[in-house]
Amino acid sequence: MERSLDYKGRWRNHTVAFRVSDKEAKLLDDLVALSGLTKQEYIIRRLTCRDVVVQGNPRVYKALKNQMATIYEELKRLETVSPDNGELLYTIQVIAITLEGLKGEDE
């Protein structure tokens, strides 16, 4: 296997793996999509307590649109939103923060 540098000139030759539940995997995939980062970069930033700064691009806007459609369908299905819907509430909070940040980019 040929070694190669990443885009910032770093050797990345260590693999870190861990198991997650289906719910955790879905939440992680949603958060990664909303960030506009690769899953690897998102996880590294979160694990090293660095900010995840979302740059508006078509991929992020599509992820926001898809998440909002999913949330809308889930809210229509629910009679009430309770603390038991933690993942849904957390995703809504992340979307609100992301949209607020993107709004600031336009100004």
C-alpha atoms as a PDB file:
ATOM      1  CA  MET A   1       0.000   0.000   0.000  1.00  0.00           C
ATOM      2  CA  GLU A   2       1.381   3.367  -1.008  1.00  0.00           C
ATOM      3  CA  ARG A   3       1.463   6.048   1.653  1.00  0.00           C
ATOM      4  CA  SER A   4      -0.011   9.419   0.813  1.00  0.00           C
ATOM      5  CA  LEU A   5      -0.460  12.783   2.469  1.00  0.00           C
ATOM      6  CA  ASP A   6      -3.855  14.332   3.054  1.00  0.00           C
ATOM      7  CA  TYR A   7      -4.726  17.772   1.684  1.00  0.00           C
ATOM      8  CA  LYS A   8      -2.965  19.496   4.598  1.00  0.00           C
ATOM      9  CA  GLY A   9       0.234  17.477   4.249  1.00  0.00           C
ATOM     10  CA  ARG A  10      -0.450  15.110   7.173  1.00  0.00           C
ATOM     11  CA  TRP A  11       0.280  11.394   7.261  1.00  0.00           C
ATOM     12  CA  ARG A  12      -2.907   9.702   8.371  1.00  0.00           C
ATOM     13  CA  ASN A  13      -1.921   6.107   8.838  1.00  0.00           C
ATOM     14  CA  HIS A  14      -3.796   5.201  12.055  1.00  0.00           C
ATOM     15  CA  THR A  15      -7.304   3.797  12.046  1.00  0.00           C
ATOM     16  CA  VAL A  16      -9.722   4.478  14.900  1.00  0.00           C
ATOM     17  CA  ALA A  17     -12.984   2.527  14.918  1.00  0.00           C
ATOM     18  CA  PHE A  18     -15.905   2.212  17.325  1.00  0.00           C
ATOM     19  CA  ARG A  19     -19.405   0.768  17.370  1.00  0.00           C
ATOM     20  CA  VAL A  20     -22.630   2.768  17.535  1.00  0.00           C
ATOM     21  CA  SER A  21     -26.319   1.893  17.625  1.00  0.00           C
ATOM     22  CA  ASP A  22     -28.604   2.440  14.636  1.00  0.00           C
ATOM     23  CA  LYS A  23     -29.987   5.606  16.274  1.00  0.00           C
ATOM     24  CA  GLU A  24     -26.493   6.944  17.012  1.00  0.00           C
ATOM     25  CA  ALA A  25     -25.357   6.176  13.462  1.00  0.00           C
ATOM     26  CA  LYS A  26     -28.354   8.041  12.011  1.00  0.00           C
ATOM     27  CA  LEU A  27     -27.775  11.040  14.292  1.00  0.00           C
ATOM     28  CA  LEU A  28     -24.069  11.099  13.408  1.00  0.00           C
ATOM     29  CA  ASP A  29     -24.838  10.879   9.678  1.00  0.00           C
ATOM     30  CA  ASP A  30     -27.366  13.723   9.998  1.00  0.00           C
ATOM     31  CA  LEU A  31     -24.912  15.936  11.902  1.00  0.00           C
ATOM     32  CA  VAL A  32     -22.139  15.233   9.407  1.00  0.00           C
ATOM     33  CA  ALA A  33     -24.436  16.087   6.482  1.00  0.00           C
ATOM     34  CA  LEU A  34     -25.482  19.348   8.149  1.00  0.00           C
ATOM     35  CA  SER A  35     -21.853  20.297   8.796  1.00  0.00           C
ATOM     36  CA  GLY A  36     -20.725  19.990   5.184  1.00  0.00           C
ATOM     37  CA  LEU A  37     -17.568  18.203   6.395  1.00  0.00           C
ATOM     38  CA  THR A  38     -16.427  14.671   5.763  1.00  0.00           C
ATOM     39  CA  LYS A  39     -17.347  12.226   8.492  1.00  0.00           C
ATOM     40  CA  GLN A  40     -13.652  11.850   9.352  1.00  0.00           C
ATOM     41  CA  GLU A  41     -13.091  15.598   9.693  1.00  0.00           C
ATOM     42  CA  TYR A  42     -16.334  16.078  11.668  1.00  0.00           C
ATOM     43  CA  ILE A  43     -15.422  13.350  14.175  1.00  0.00           C
ATOM     44  CA  ILE A  44     -11.850  14.623  14.554  1.00  0.00           C
ATOM     45  CA  ARG A  45     -13.072  18.182  15.206  1.00  0.00           C
ATOM     46  CA  ARG A  46     -15.639  17.037  17.752  1.00  0.00           C
ATOM     47  CA  LEU A  47     -13.192  14.732  19.557  1.00  0.00           C
ATOM     48  CA  THR A  48     -10.556  17.446  19.760  1.00  0.00           C
ATOM     49  CA  CYS A  49     -13.113  20.029  20.998  1.00  0.00           C
ATOM     50  CA  ARG A  50     -12.628  22.271  17.973  1.00  0.00           C
ATOM     51  CA  ASP A  51     -15.533  24.217  16.533  1.00  0.00           C
ATOM     52  CA  VAL A  52     -17.441  22.807  13.605  1.00  0.00           C
ATOM     53  CA  VAL A  53     -17.925  25.829  11.362  1.00  0.00           C
ATOM     54  CA  VAL A  54     -20.460  25.247   8.623  1.00  0.00           C
ATOM     55  CA  GLN A  55     -19.705  26.837   5.265  1.00  0.00           C
ATOM     56  CA  GLY A  56     -22.825  27.294   3.183  1.00  0.00           C
ATOM     57  CA  ASN A  57     -22.697  25.260  -0.018  1.00  0.00           C
ATOM     58  CA  PRO A  58     -25.207  23.296  -2.098  1.00  0.00           C
ATOM     59  CA  ARG A  59     -24.512  20.081  -0.154  1.00  0.00           C
ATOM     60  CA  VAL A  60     -25.288  21.776   3.188  1.00  0.00           C
ATOM     61  CA  TYR A  61     -28.445  23.408   1.835  1.00  0.00           C
ATOM     62  CA  LYS A  62     -29.622  20.042   0.461  1.00  0.00           C
ATOM     63  CA  ALA A  63     -28.939  18.376   3.836  1.00  0.00           C
ATOM     64  CA  LEU A  64     -30.898  21.143   5.601  1.00  0.00           C
ATOM     65  CA  LYS A  65     -33.807  20.737   3.191  1.00  0.00           C
ATOM     66  CA  ASN A  66     -33.844  16.951   3.612  1.00  0.00           C
ATOM     67  CA  GLN A  67     -33.634  17.166   7.402  1.00  0.00           C
ATOM     68  CA  MET A  68     -36.433  19.714   7.561  1.00  0.00           C
ATOM     69  CA  ALA A  69     -38.643  17.457   5.405  1.00  0.00           C
ATOM     70  CA  THR A  70     -37.897  14.505   7.699  1.00  0.00           C
ATOM     71  CA  ILE A  71     -38.621  16.562  10.797  1.00  0.00           C
ATOM     72  CA  TYR A  72     -41.855  17.882   9.287  1.00  0.00           C
ATOM     73  CA  GLU A  73     -43.057  14.321   8.578  1.00  0.00           C
ATOM     74  CA  GLU A  74     -42.094  13.197  12.084  1.00  0.00           C
ATOM     75  CA  LEU A  75     -43.856  16.164  13.690  1.00  0.00           C
ATOM     76  CA  LYS A  76     -47.015  15.440  11.682  1.00  0.00           C
ATOM     77  CA  ARG A  77     -46.921  11.867  12.971  1.00  0.00           C
ATOM     78  CA  LEU A  78     -46.447  12.804  16.637  1.00  0.00           C
ATOM     79  CA  GLU A  79     -49.236  14.031  18.845  1.00  0.00           C
ATOM     80  CA  THR A  80     -46.782  15.775  21.171  1.00  0.00           C
ATOM     81  CA  VAL A  81     -43.036  16.344  21.242  1.00  0.00           C
ATOM     82  CA  SER A  82     -41.664  15.113  24.548  1.00  0.00           C
ATOM     83  CA  PRO A  83     -38.202  14.748  26.080  1.00  0.00           C
ATOM     84  CA  ASP A  84     -38.348  11.139  24.800  1.00  0.00           C
ATOM     85  CA  ASN A  85     -37.804  12.594  21.331  1.00  0.00           C
ATOM     86  CA  GLY A  86     -34.276  13.672  22.274  1.00  0.00           C
ATOM     87  CA  GLU A  87     -32.653  12.960  18.903  1.00  0.00           C
ATOM     88  CA  LEU A  88     -35.371  14.875  17.066  1.00  0.00           C
ATOM     89  CA  LEU A  89     -35.106  17.841  19.420  1.00  0.00           C
ATOM     90  CA  TYR A  90     -31.299  17.822  19.183  1.00  0.00           C
ATOM     91  CA  THR A  91     -31.438  17.724  15.370  1.00  0.00           C
ATOM     92  CA  ILE A  92     -33.856  20.662  15.363  1.00  0.00           C
ATOM     93  CA  GLN A  93     -31.485  22.591  17.635  1.00  0.00           C
ATOM     94  CA  VAL A  94     -28.505  21.881  15.340  1.00  0.00           C
ATOM     95  CA  ILE A  95     -30.510  22.990  12.301  1.00  0.00           C
ATOM     96  CA  ALA A  96     -31.546  26.217  14.049  1.00  0.00           C
ATOM     97  CA  ILE A  97     -27.923  26.992  14.975  1.00  0.00           C
ATOM     98  CA  THR A  98     -26.769  26.186  11.437  1.00  0.00           C
ATOM     99  CA  LEU A  99     -29.437  28.363   9.842  1.00  0.00           C
ATOM    100  CA  GLU A 100     -28.614  31.231  12.199  1.00  0.00           C
ATOM    101  CA  GLY A 101     -24.946  30.973  11.218  1.00  0.00           C
ATOM    102  CA  LEU A 102     -25.766  30.836   7.517  1.00  0.00           C
ATOM    103  CA  LYS A 103     -28.010  33.888   7.915  1.00  0.00           C
ATOM    104  CA  GLY A 104     -25.005  35.735   9.361  1.00  0.00           C
ATOM    105  CA  GLU A 105     -22.951  34.841   6.259  1.00  0.00           C
ATOM    106  CA  ASP A 106     -25.419  36.652   4.003  1.00  0.00           C
ATOM    107  CA  GLU A 107     -25.191  39.923   5.909  1.00  0.00           C
END
